[in-house]
Amino acid sequence: MATAGVDSDGLIAVTNSPDSGASARDPLLISIGVRDGKEKVKGAVYDPQHSLPAPDAMSLAWNGNDNVLYVQGERLSDDRPSVQAFKAPVG
């Protein structure tokens, strides 16, 4: 799991295996409640070419005002640095 930031939902993170039991090929953007510790899946961090590194190899930034996750990491296909932005659904 990699932490992206904090907003009104709680701690924002990216993980491959949330407590919800969901399984996915792509990493998942989750919020972890500050008071109750419950995980809520906000959406998949999807790349059509599946060139995202594992969450622990990502550098993340969360913009809670716009619900946008910024991911910096090396692409698996050619080991070149990349920055990608993912819009999370509201709600």
N, C-alpha and C. Protein backbone atom coordinates (compact mmCIF):
# COMPACT_ATOMS: atom_id res chain seq x y z
N MET A 1 0.85 -1.17 0.00
CA MET A 1 0.00 0.00 0.00
C MET A 1 0.89 1.23 0.00
N ALA A 2 0.45 2.27 -0.70
CA ALA A 2 1.17 3.54 -0.75
C ALA A 2 0.19 4.66 -0.41
N THR A 3 0.60 5.56 0.46
CA THR A 3 -0.25 6.67 0.89
C THR A 3 -0.15 7.82 -0.11
N ALA A 4 -1.32 8.39 -0.45
CA ALA A 4 -1.37 9.50 -1.39
C ALA A 4 -1.67 10.83 -0.71
N GLY A 5 -2.39 10.82 0.42
CA GLY A 5 -2.74 12.05 1.10
C GLY A 5 -3.89 11.84 2.06
N VAL A 6 -4.47 12.95 2.51
CA VAL A 6 -5.59 12.91 3.45
C VAL A 6 -6.64 13.90 2.95
N ASP A 7 -7.91 13.50 3.04
CA ASP A 7 -8.99 14.44 2.76
C ASP A 7 -10.15 14.16 3.70
N SER A 8 -11.32 14.68 3.41
CA SER A 8 -12.46 14.55 4.33
C SER A 8 -12.90 13.09 4.50
N ASP A 9 -12.60 12.22 3.54
CA ASP A 9 -12.93 10.80 3.66
C ASP A 9 -11.97 10.06 4.59
N GLY A 10 -10.78 10.59 4.76
CA GLY A 10 -9.76 9.94 5.58
C GLY A 10 -8.44 9.85 4.84
N LEU A 11 -7.67 8.83 5.15
CA LEU A 11 -6.39 8.60 4.51
C LEU A 11 -6.65 8.06 3.11
N ILE A 12 -6.01 8.63 2.11
CA ILE A 12 -6.16 8.19 0.72
C ILE A 12 -4.93 7.38 0.36
N ALA A 13 -5.14 6.19 -0.19
CA ALA A 13 -4.02 5.30 -0.50
C ALA A 13 -4.31 4.50 -1.75
N VAL A 14 -3.27 3.87 -2.27
CA VAL A 14 -3.39 2.96 -3.41
C VAL A 14 -2.91 1.60 -2.93
N THR A 15 -3.68 0.56 -3.27
CA THR A 15 -3.36 -0.79 -2.82
C THR A 15 -3.73 -1.81 -3.89
N ASN A 16 -3.15 -2.98 -3.79
CA ASN A 16 -3.53 -4.10 -4.65
C ASN A 16 -4.56 -5.00 -3.99
N SER A 17 -4.69 -4.91 -2.67
CA SER A 17 -5.57 -5.85 -1.97
C SER A 17 -6.30 -5.19 -0.82
N PRO A 18 -7.44 -4.53 -1.12
CA PRO A 18 -8.20 -3.89 -0.04
C PRO A 18 -8.87 -4.93 0.86
N ASP A 19 -9.20 -4.53 2.08
CA ASP A 19 -9.90 -5.40 3.03
C ASP A 19 -11.27 -5.80 2.53
N SER A 20 -11.82 -5.07 1.55
CA SER A 20 -13.17 -5.36 1.06
C SER A 20 -13.25 -6.71 0.36
N GLY A 21 -12.11 -7.33 0.08
CA GLY A 21 -12.10 -8.63 -0.57
C GLY A 21 -12.14 -8.53 -2.08
N ALA A 22 -12.24 -7.32 -2.62
CA ALA A 22 -12.27 -7.15 -4.07
C ALA A 22 -10.92 -7.54 -4.65
N SER A 23 -10.95 -8.19 -5.77
CA SER A 23 -9.70 -8.49 -6.45
C SER A 23 -9.71 -7.75 -7.77
N ALA A 24 -8.58 -7.21 -8.14
CA ALA A 24 -8.50 -6.43 -9.37
C ALA A 24 -7.11 -6.58 -9.96
N ARG A 25 -7.06 -6.43 -11.25
CA ARG A 25 -5.77 -6.49 -11.93
C ARG A 25 -5.02 -5.17 -11.74
N ASP A 26 -5.78 -4.08 -11.66
CA ASP A 26 -5.20 -2.76 -11.51
C ASP A 26 -5.21 -2.35 -10.05
N PRO A 27 -4.25 -1.52 -9.64
CA PRO A 27 -4.27 -1.02 -8.26
C PRO A 27 -5.57 -0.27 -7.99
N LEU A 28 -5.97 -0.22 -6.73
CA LEU A 28 -7.21 0.44 -6.34
C LEU A 28 -6.92 1.66 -5.48
N LEU A 29 -7.66 2.73 -5.73
CA LEU A 29 -7.61 3.93 -4.92
C LEU A 29 -8.63 3.73 -3.80
N ILE A 30 -8.19 3.85 -2.56
CA ILE A 30 -9.08 3.63 -1.42
C ILE A 30 -8.98 4.79 -0.44
N SER A 31 -10.01 4.92 0.38
CA SER A 31 -9.93 5.83 1.53
C SER A 31 -10.06 4.96 2.77
N ILE A 32 -9.34 5.32 3.80
CA ILE A 32 -9.38 4.61 5.07
C ILE A 32 -9.89 5.59 6.11
N GLY A 33 -11.05 5.29 6.69
CA GLY A 33 -11.67 6.18 7.67
C GLY A 33 -10.76 6.44 8.85
N VAL A 34 -10.62 7.69 9.22
CA VAL A 34 -9.76 8.07 10.34
C VAL A 34 -10.32 7.54 11.65
N ARG A 35 -11.62 7.59 11.82
CA ARG A 35 -12.23 7.17 13.09
C ARG A 35 -12.49 5.67 13.16
N ASP A 36 -12.96 5.06 12.05
CA ASP A 36 -13.35 3.65 12.12
C ASP A 36 -12.37 2.70 11.43
N GLY A 37 -11.42 3.20 10.65
CA GLY A 37 -10.44 2.36 9.98
C GLY A 37 -10.99 1.55 8.82
N LYS A 38 -12.24 1.78 8.43
CA LYS A 38 -12.84 1.03 7.33
C LYS A 38 -12.33 1.53 5.99
N GLU A 39 -12.11 0.59 5.09
CA GLU A 39 -11.65 0.91 3.74
C GLU A 39 -12.84 1.06 2.80
N LYS A 40 -12.78 2.07 1.95
CA LYS A 40 -13.79 2.29 0.93
C LYS A 40 -13.07 2.43 -0.41
N VAL A 41 -13.44 1.62 -1.38
CA VAL A 41 -12.83 1.70 -2.69
C VAL A 41 -13.39 2.91 -3.43
N LYS A 42 -12.51 3.79 -3.88
CA LYS A 42 -12.92 4.98 -4.62
C LYS A 42 -12.88 4.73 -6.12
N GLY A 43 -12.10 3.76 -6.56
CA GLY A 43 -12.01 3.44 -7.98
C GLY A 43 -10.71 2.75 -8.31
N ALA A 44 -10.63 2.23 -9.52
CA ALA A 44 -9.41 1.57 -9.99
C ALA A 44 -8.47 2.61 -10.59
N VAL A 45 -7.19 2.41 -10.38
CA VAL A 45 -6.17 3.22 -11.02
C VAL A 45 -5.82 2.45 -12.29
N TYR A 46 -6.52 2.78 -13.36
CA TYR A 46 -6.49 1.98 -14.58
C TYR A 46 -5.58 2.59 -15.63
N ASP A 47 -4.75 1.77 -16.20
CA ASP A 47 -3.92 2.16 -17.33
C ASP A 47 -4.16 1.13 -18.42
N PRO A 48 -4.66 1.54 -19.60
CA PRO A 48 -5.00 0.56 -20.63
C PRO A 48 -3.81 -0.29 -21.07
N GLN A 49 -2.60 0.21 -20.90
CA GLN A 49 -1.42 -0.57 -21.29
C GLN A 49 -0.84 -1.34 -20.11
N HIS A 50 -1.48 -1.25 -18.94
CA HIS A 50 -1.03 -1.92 -17.72
C HIS A 50 0.46 -1.66 -17.47
N SER A 51 0.84 -0.39 -17.59
CA SER A 51 2.24 -0.04 -17.42
C SER A 51 2.51 0.64 -16.08
N LEU A 52 1.61 0.44 -15.10
CA LEU A 52 1.82 1.04 -13.78
C LEU A 52 2.68 0.13 -12.92
N PRO A 53 3.55 0.72 -12.12
CA PRO A 53 4.31 -0.10 -11.17
C PRO A 53 3.43 -0.51 -10.00
N ALA A 54 3.95 -1.37 -9.15
CA ALA A 54 3.23 -1.75 -7.94
C ALA A 54 3.07 -0.52 -7.05
N PRO A 55 2.00 -0.46 -6.24
CA PRO A 55 1.76 0.72 -5.40
C PRO A 55 2.96 1.14 -4.56
N ASP A 56 3.72 0.19 -4.02
CA ASP A 56 4.86 0.58 -3.18
C ASP A 56 6.02 1.17 -3.98
N ALA A 57 5.95 1.11 -5.32
CA ALA A 57 6.98 1.72 -6.17
C ALA A 57 6.51 3.04 -6.78
N MET A 58 5.31 3.50 -6.39
CA MET A 58 4.75 4.74 -6.93
C MET A 58 5.04 5.92 -6.01
N SER A 59 5.19 7.08 -6.59
CA SER A 59 5.16 8.33 -5.84
C SER A 59 3.79 8.94 -6.13
N LEU A 60 3.04 9.27 -5.08
CA LEU A 60 1.65 9.67 -5.23
C LEU A 60 1.38 11.06 -4.68
N ALA A 61 0.44 11.75 -5.28
CA ALA A 61 -0.07 13.02 -4.76
C ALA A 61 -1.57 13.03 -4.98
N TRP A 62 -2.33 13.45 -3.96
CA TRP A 62 -3.79 13.46 -4.01
C TRP A 62 -4.27 14.89 -3.99
N ASN A 63 -5.12 15.27 -4.95
CA ASN A 63 -5.77 16.57 -4.97
C ASN A 63 -7.24 16.32 -4.63
N GLY A 64 -7.60 16.49 -3.35
CA GLY A 64 -8.95 16.22 -2.89
C GLY A 64 -9.98 17.20 -3.42
N ASN A 65 -9.56 18.40 -3.80
CA ASN A 65 -10.50 19.38 -4.35
C ASN A 65 -11.07 18.91 -5.68
N ASP A 66 -10.22 18.26 -6.49
CA ASP A 66 -10.63 17.81 -7.81
C ASP A 66 -10.78 16.29 -7.91
N ASN A 67 -10.54 15.57 -6.81
CA ASN A 67 -10.56 14.10 -6.81
C ASN A 67 -9.63 13.52 -7.87
N VAL A 68 -8.40 14.03 -7.91
CA VAL A 68 -7.43 13.57 -8.89
C VAL A 68 -6.22 13.00 -8.15
N LEU A 69 -5.81 11.80 -8.59
CA LEU A 69 -4.61 11.15 -8.08
C LEU A 69 -3.52 11.30 -9.12
N TYR A 70 -2.36 11.79 -8.71
CA TYR A 70 -1.20 11.89 -9.60
C TYR A 70 -0.23 10.79 -9.21
N VAL A 71 0.22 10.04 -10.23
CA VAL A 71 1.12 8.91 -10.01
C VAL A 71 2.39 9.14 -10.80
N GLN A 72 3.53 9.08 -10.10
CA GLN A 72 4.83 9.15 -10.77
C GLN A 72 5.52 7.83 -10.52
N GLY A 73 6.04 7.25 -11.55
CA GLY A 73 6.76 5.99 -11.42
C GLY A 73 7.40 5.65 -12.74
N GLU A 74 8.17 4.58 -12.76
CA GLU A 74 8.77 4.14 -14.02
C GLU A 74 7.81 3.19 -14.70
N ARG A 75 7.62 3.40 -15.98
CA ARG A 75 6.75 2.51 -16.75
C ARG A 75 7.42 1.14 -16.85
N LEU A 76 6.62 0.11 -16.75
CA LEU A 76 7.17 -1.24 -16.81
C LEU A 76 7.70 -1.58 -18.20
N SER A 77 7.13 -0.96 -19.23
CA SER A 77 7.49 -1.32 -20.60
C SER A 77 8.90 -0.87 -20.99
N ASP A 78 9.35 0.29 -20.49
CA ASP A 78 10.66 0.78 -20.92
C ASP A 78 11.47 1.46 -19.81
N ASP A 79 11.03 1.33 -18.57
CA ASP A 79 11.74 1.88 -17.41
C ASP A 79 11.97 3.39 -17.48
N ARG A 80 11.15 4.11 -18.24
CA ARG A 80 11.26 5.56 -18.30
C ARG A 80 10.29 6.17 -17.30
N PRO A 81 10.67 7.28 -16.66
CA PRO A 81 9.77 7.94 -15.71
C PRO A 81 8.51 8.43 -16.41
N SER A 82 7.41 8.39 -15.70
CA SER A 82 6.15 8.90 -16.24
C SER A 82 5.34 9.51 -15.11
N VAL A 83 4.47 10.44 -15.46
CA VAL A 83 3.50 11.00 -14.52
C VAL A 83 2.13 10.85 -15.17
N GLN A 84 1.19 10.29 -14.42
CA GLN A 84 -0.15 10.10 -14.93
C GLN A 84 -1.14 10.65 -13.92
N ALA A 85 -2.28 11.10 -14.39
CA ALA A 85 -3.34 11.61 -13.54
C ALA A 85 -4.58 10.75 -13.72
N PHE A 86 -5.24 10.43 -12.59
CA PHE A 86 -6.44 9.61 -12.61
C PHE A 86 -7.54 10.34 -11.86
N LYS A 87 -8.67 10.53 -12.52
CA LYS A 87 -9.82 11.19 -11.92
C LYS A 87 -10.64 10.13 -11.18
N ALA A 88 -10.84 10.33 -9.87
CA ALA A 88 -11.63 9.41 -9.06
C ALA A 88 -13.10 9.83 -9.11
N PRO A 89 -14.01 8.86 -9.09
CA PRO A 89 -15.42 9.22 -9.05
C PRO A 89 -15.76 9.95 -7.77
N VAL A 90 -16.71 10.86 -7.84
CA VAL A 90 -17.13 11.60 -6.66
C VAL A 90 -18.16 10.77 -5.91
N GLY A 91 -18.00 10.73 -4.57
CA GLY A 91 -19.00 10.02 -3.78
C GLY A 91 -18.49 8.83 -3.05
